[in-house]
Amino acid sequence: MAGQTVIRTYLIRGAVFFGAYVAINAAAITGAFDDLQAPGSYVLALAVAAPVIGHIWAILDLMRCADEYLRALYARIFIIAAGLALALWTGWGFIESYADAPHLQGWLIYPLFWALYGLASPFVLRGAR
């Protein structure tokens, strides 16, 4: 695929997956699922996770379809963000265990990863010039 088409496809997929994620969570926040019992609560949890999985697939497909140069840049940013997210999350886990810090929900790793992806991007891209 041409460069613009690859990015446009990723943006559309990202919008669809994030839209589904926001819609499910907005419904949950407004009480749509308050009376849900197991196994329905498990289905809801998996339904919220499905768009996250879809978005990861979309970014990996973007890398696969991009030219070698962009693939290398996207992969480098992805790896740096993943490594930082794992290191920070593990560090916080130890702070929770040993210093009685407040517990953070596990799903927060995903927004942390994307925040770090956004923070790492300019540095990787500036170094590539």
C-alpha atoms as a PDB file:
ATOM      1  CA  MET A   1       0.000   0.000   0.000  1.00  0.00           C
ATOM      2  CA  ALA A   2       1.090   3.554  -0.611  1.00  0.00           C
ATOM      3  CA  GLY A   3       2.180   5.535   2.450  1.00  0.00           C
ATOM      4  CA  GLN A   4      -0.899   7.756   2.677  1.00  0.00           C
ATOM      5  CA  THR A   5      -3.264   4.812   2.218  1.00  0.00           C
ATOM      6  CA  VAL A   6      -1.539   2.849   4.986  1.00  0.00           C
ATOM      7  CA  ILE A   7      -1.851   5.747   7.417  1.00  0.00           C
ATOM      8  CA  ARG A   8      -5.446   6.504   6.396  1.00  0.00           C
ATOM      9  CA  THR A   9      -6.382   2.837   6.937  1.00  0.00           C
ATOM     10  CA  TYR A  10      -4.744   2.899  10.369  1.00  0.00           C
ATOM     11  CA  LEU A  11      -6.558   6.106  11.331  1.00  0.00           C
ATOM     12  CA  ILE A  12      -9.923   4.666  10.290  1.00  0.00           C
ATOM     13  CA  ARG A  13      -9.293   1.427  12.168  1.00  0.00           C
ATOM     14  CA  GLY A  14      -8.068   3.335  15.204  1.00  0.00           C
ATOM     15  CA  ALA A  15     -11.167   5.539  15.190  1.00  0.00           C
ATOM     16  CA  VAL A  16     -13.461   2.506  14.931  1.00  0.00           C
ATOM     17  CA  PHE A  17     -11.723   0.607  17.734  1.00  0.00           C
ATOM     18  CA  PHE A  18     -11.446   3.613  20.040  1.00  0.00           C
ATOM     19  CA  GLY A  19     -15.051   4.549  19.238  1.00  0.00           C
ATOM     20  CA  ALA A  20     -16.196   1.097  20.320  1.00  0.00           C
ATOM     21  CA  TYR A  21     -14.038   1.324  23.452  1.00  0.00           C
ATOM     22  CA  VAL A  22     -15.481   4.730  24.383  1.00  0.00           C
ATOM     23  CA  ALA A  23     -19.049   3.646  23.626  1.00  0.00           C
ATOM     24  CA  ILE A  24     -18.860   0.551  25.833  1.00  0.00           C
ATOM     25  CA  ASN A  25     -17.205   2.438  28.681  1.00  0.00           C
ATOM     26  CA  ALA A  26     -19.613   5.385  28.394  1.00  0.00           C
ATOM     27  CA  ALA A  27     -22.517   2.956  28.642  1.00  0.00           C
ATOM     28  CA  ALA A  28     -20.911   1.353  31.705  1.00  0.00           C
ATOM     29  CA  ILE A  29     -20.236   4.715  33.359  1.00  0.00           C
ATOM     30  CA  THR A  30     -23.839   5.816  32.848  1.00  0.00           C
ATOM     31  CA  GLY A  31     -25.107   2.650  34.512  1.00  0.00           C
ATOM     32  CA  ALA A  32     -26.196   0.562  31.533  1.00  0.00           C
ATOM     33  CA  PHE A  33     -24.583  -2.551  32.981  1.00  0.00           C
ATOM     34  CA  ASP A  34     -25.056  -1.951  36.706  1.00  0.00           C
ATOM     35  CA  ASP A  35     -27.282  -5.002  37.215  1.00  0.00           C
ATOM     36  CA  LEU A  36     -25.058  -7.323  35.213  1.00  0.00           C
ATOM     37  CA  GLN A  37     -24.157 -10.616  36.877  1.00  0.00           C
ATOM     38  CA  ALA A  38     -21.671 -13.316  35.882  1.00  0.00           C
ATOM     39  CA  PRO A  39     -21.276 -14.586  33.187  1.00  0.00           C
ATOM     40  CA  GLY A  40     -22.538 -11.335  31.642  1.00  0.00           C
ATOM     41  CA  SER A  41     -20.004  -9.278  33.596  1.00  0.00           C
ATOM     42  CA  TYR A  42     -17.224 -11.413  32.113  1.00  0.00           C
ATOM     43  CA  VAL A  43     -18.620 -10.845  28.628  1.00  0.00           C
ATOM     44  CA  LEU A  44     -18.669  -7.093  29.314  1.00  0.00           C
ATOM     45  CA  ALA A  45     -15.035  -7.157  30.450  1.00  0.00           C
ATOM     46  CA  LEU A  46     -14.033  -9.055  27.311  1.00  0.00           C
ATOM     47  CA  ALA A  47     -16.102  -6.678  25.155  1.00  0.00           C
ATOM     48  CA  VAL A  48     -14.128  -3.735  26.540  1.00  0.00           C
ATOM     49  CA  ALA A  49     -10.852  -5.579  25.919  1.00  0.00           C
ATOM     50  CA  ALA A  50     -11.773  -6.463  22.315  1.00  0.00           C
ATOM     51  CA  PRO A  51     -11.258  -2.932  20.910  1.00  0.00           C
ATOM     52  CA  VAL A  52      -7.891  -2.757  22.692  1.00  0.00           C
ATOM     53  CA  ILE A  53      -6.855  -5.981  20.974  1.00  0.00           C
ATOM     54  CA  GLY A  54      -8.191  -4.584  17.704  1.00  0.00           C
ATOM     55  CA  HIS A  55      -6.166  -1.410  18.080  1.00  0.00           C
ATOM     56  CA  ILE A  56      -2.987  -3.342  18.777  1.00  0.00           C
ATOM     57  CA  TRP A  57      -3.687  -5.351  15.616  1.00  0.00           C
ATOM     58  CA  ALA A  58      -4.197  -2.072  13.710  1.00  0.00           C
ATOM     59  CA  ILE A  59      -0.831  -0.623  14.797  1.00  0.00           C
ATOM     60  CA  LEU A  60       0.969  -3.887  14.048  1.00  0.00           C
ATOM     61  CA  ASP A  61      -0.699  -3.996  10.618  1.00  0.00           C
ATOM     62  CA  LEU A  62       0.410  -0.400  10.053  1.00  0.00           C
ATOM     63  CA  MET A  63       3.959  -1.502  10.745  1.00  0.00           C
ATOM     64  CA  ARG A  64       3.617  -4.512   8.438  1.00  0.00           C
ATOM     65  CA  CYS A  65       2.238  -2.467   5.545  1.00  0.00           C
ATOM     66  CA  ALA A  66       4.589   0.522   5.873  1.00  0.00           C
ATOM     67  CA  ASP A  67       7.836   0.792   3.955  1.00  0.00           C
ATOM     68  CA  GLU A  68      11.027  -0.399   5.644  1.00  0.00           C
ATOM     69  CA  TYR A  69      11.999   3.035   6.921  1.00  0.00           C
ATOM     70  CA  LEU A  70       8.649   3.798   8.582  1.00  0.00           C
ATOM     71  CA  ARG A  71       8.336   0.209   9.815  1.00  0.00           C
ATOM     72  CA  ALA A  72      11.640   0.584  11.629  1.00  0.00           C
ATOM     73  CA  LEU A  73      10.603   3.915  13.168  1.00  0.00           C
ATOM     74  CA  TYR A  74       7.175   2.647  14.297  1.00  0.00           C
ATOM     75  CA  ALA A  75       8.720  -0.528  15.698  1.00  0.00           C
ATOM     76  CA  ARG A  76      11.390   1.404  17.585  1.00  0.00           C
ATOM     77  CA  ILE A  77       8.812   3.711  19.159  1.00  0.00           C
ATOM     78  CA  PHE A  78       6.598   0.723  20.004  1.00  0.00           C
ATOM     79  CA  ILE A  79       9.456  -1.153  21.652  1.00  0.00           C
ATOM     80  CA  ILE A  80      10.638   1.883  23.638  1.00  0.00           C
ATOM     81  CA  ALA A  81       7.087   2.632  24.850  1.00  0.00           C
ATOM     82  CA  ALA A  82       6.477  -1.006  25.775  1.00  0.00           C
ATOM     83  CA  GLY A  83       9.753  -1.242  27.670  1.00  0.00           C
ATOM     84  CA  LEU A  84       9.136   1.977  29.566  1.00  0.00           C
ATOM     85  CA  ALA A  85       5.544   0.991  30.373  1.00  0.00           C
ATOM     86  CA  LEU A  86       6.657  -2.402  31.678  1.00  0.00           C
ATOM     87  CA  ALA A  87       9.439  -0.851  33.743  1.00  0.00           C
ATOM     88  CA  LEU A  88       7.209   1.856  35.232  1.00  0.00           C
ATOM     89  CA  TRP A  89       4.330  -0.531  35.918  1.00  0.00           C
ATOM     90  CA  THR A  90       6.642  -3.057  37.568  1.00  0.00           C
ATOM     91  CA  GLY A  91       8.259  -0.305  39.631  1.00  0.00           C
ATOM     92  CA  TRP A  92       4.859   0.931  40.769  1.00  0.00           C
ATOM     93  CA  GLY A  93       3.884  -2.637  41.667  1.00  0.00           C
ATOM     94  CA  PHE A  94       6.887  -2.880  43.959  1.00  0.00           C
ATOM     95  CA  ILE A  95       6.059   0.510  45.485  1.00  0.00           C
ATOM     96  CA  GLU A  96       2.534  -0.808  46.152  1.00  0.00           C
ATOM     97  CA  SER A  97       3.961  -3.963  47.748  1.00  0.00           C
ATOM     98  CA  TYR A  98       6.725  -2.433  49.847  1.00  0.00           C
ATOM     99  CA  ALA A  99       5.670   1.161  50.477  1.00  0.00           C
ATOM    100  CA  ASP A 100       1.886   0.825  50.693  1.00  0.00           C
ATOM    101  CA  ALA A 101       1.268   3.094  47.705  1.00  0.00           C
ATOM    102  CA  PRO A 102      -2.307   3.177  46.431  1.00  0.00           C
ATOM    103  CA  HIS A 103      -3.297   0.363  44.070  1.00  0.00           C
ATOM    104  CA  LEU A 104      -3.692   1.189  40.383  1.00  0.00           C
ATOM    105  CA  GLN A 105      -6.036  -0.803  38.167  1.00  0.00           C
ATOM    106  CA  GLY A 106      -4.271  -3.088  35.692  1.00  0.00           C
ATOM    107  CA  TRP A 107      -6.059  -1.655  32.658  1.00  0.00           C
ATOM    108  CA  LEU A 108      -4.196   1.628  33.179  1.00  0.00           C
ATOM    109  CA  ILE A 109      -1.130   0.035  31.530  1.00  0.00           C
ATOM    110  CA  TYR A 110      -2.758   0.574  28.129  1.00  0.00           C
ATOM    111  CA  PRO A 111      -3.190   4.359  28.364  1.00  0.00           C
ATOM    112  CA  LEU A 112       0.253   4.539  29.991  1.00  0.00           C
ATOM    113  CA  PHE A 113       1.723   2.710  26.992  1.00  0.00           C
ATOM    114  CA  TRP A 114       0.110   5.134  24.518  1.00  0.00           C
ATOM    115  CA  ALA A 115       1.170   8.160  26.554  1.00  0.00           C
ATOM    116  CA  LEU A 116       4.747   6.872  26.474  1.00  0.00           C
ATOM    117  CA  TYR A 117       4.396   6.111  22.746  1.00  0.00           C
ATOM    118  CA  GLY A 118       3.421   9.739  22.226  1.00  0.00           C
ATOM    119  CA  LEU A 119       6.286  10.994  24.396  1.00  0.00           C
ATOM    120  CA  ALA A 120       8.879   8.758  22.698  1.00  0.00           C
ATOM    121  CA  SER A 121       7.773   9.562  19.138  1.00  0.00           C
ATOM    122  CA  PRO A 122       9.327  13.023  18.766  1.00  0.00           C
ATOM    123  CA  PHE A 123      12.665  11.819  20.130  1.00  0.00           C
ATOM    124  CA  VAL A 124      12.836   8.811  17.814  1.00  0.00           C
ATOM    125  CA  LEU A 125      11.667  10.826  14.832  1.00  0.00           C
ATOM    126  CA  ARG A 126      14.073  13.680  15.542  1.00  0.00           C
ATOM    127  CA  GLY A 127      16.950  11.207  15.825  1.00  0.00           C
ATOM    128  CA  ALA A 128      15.980   9.721  12.451  1.00  0.00           C
ATOM    129  CA  ARG A 129      16.507  12.960  10.522  1.00  0.00           C
END
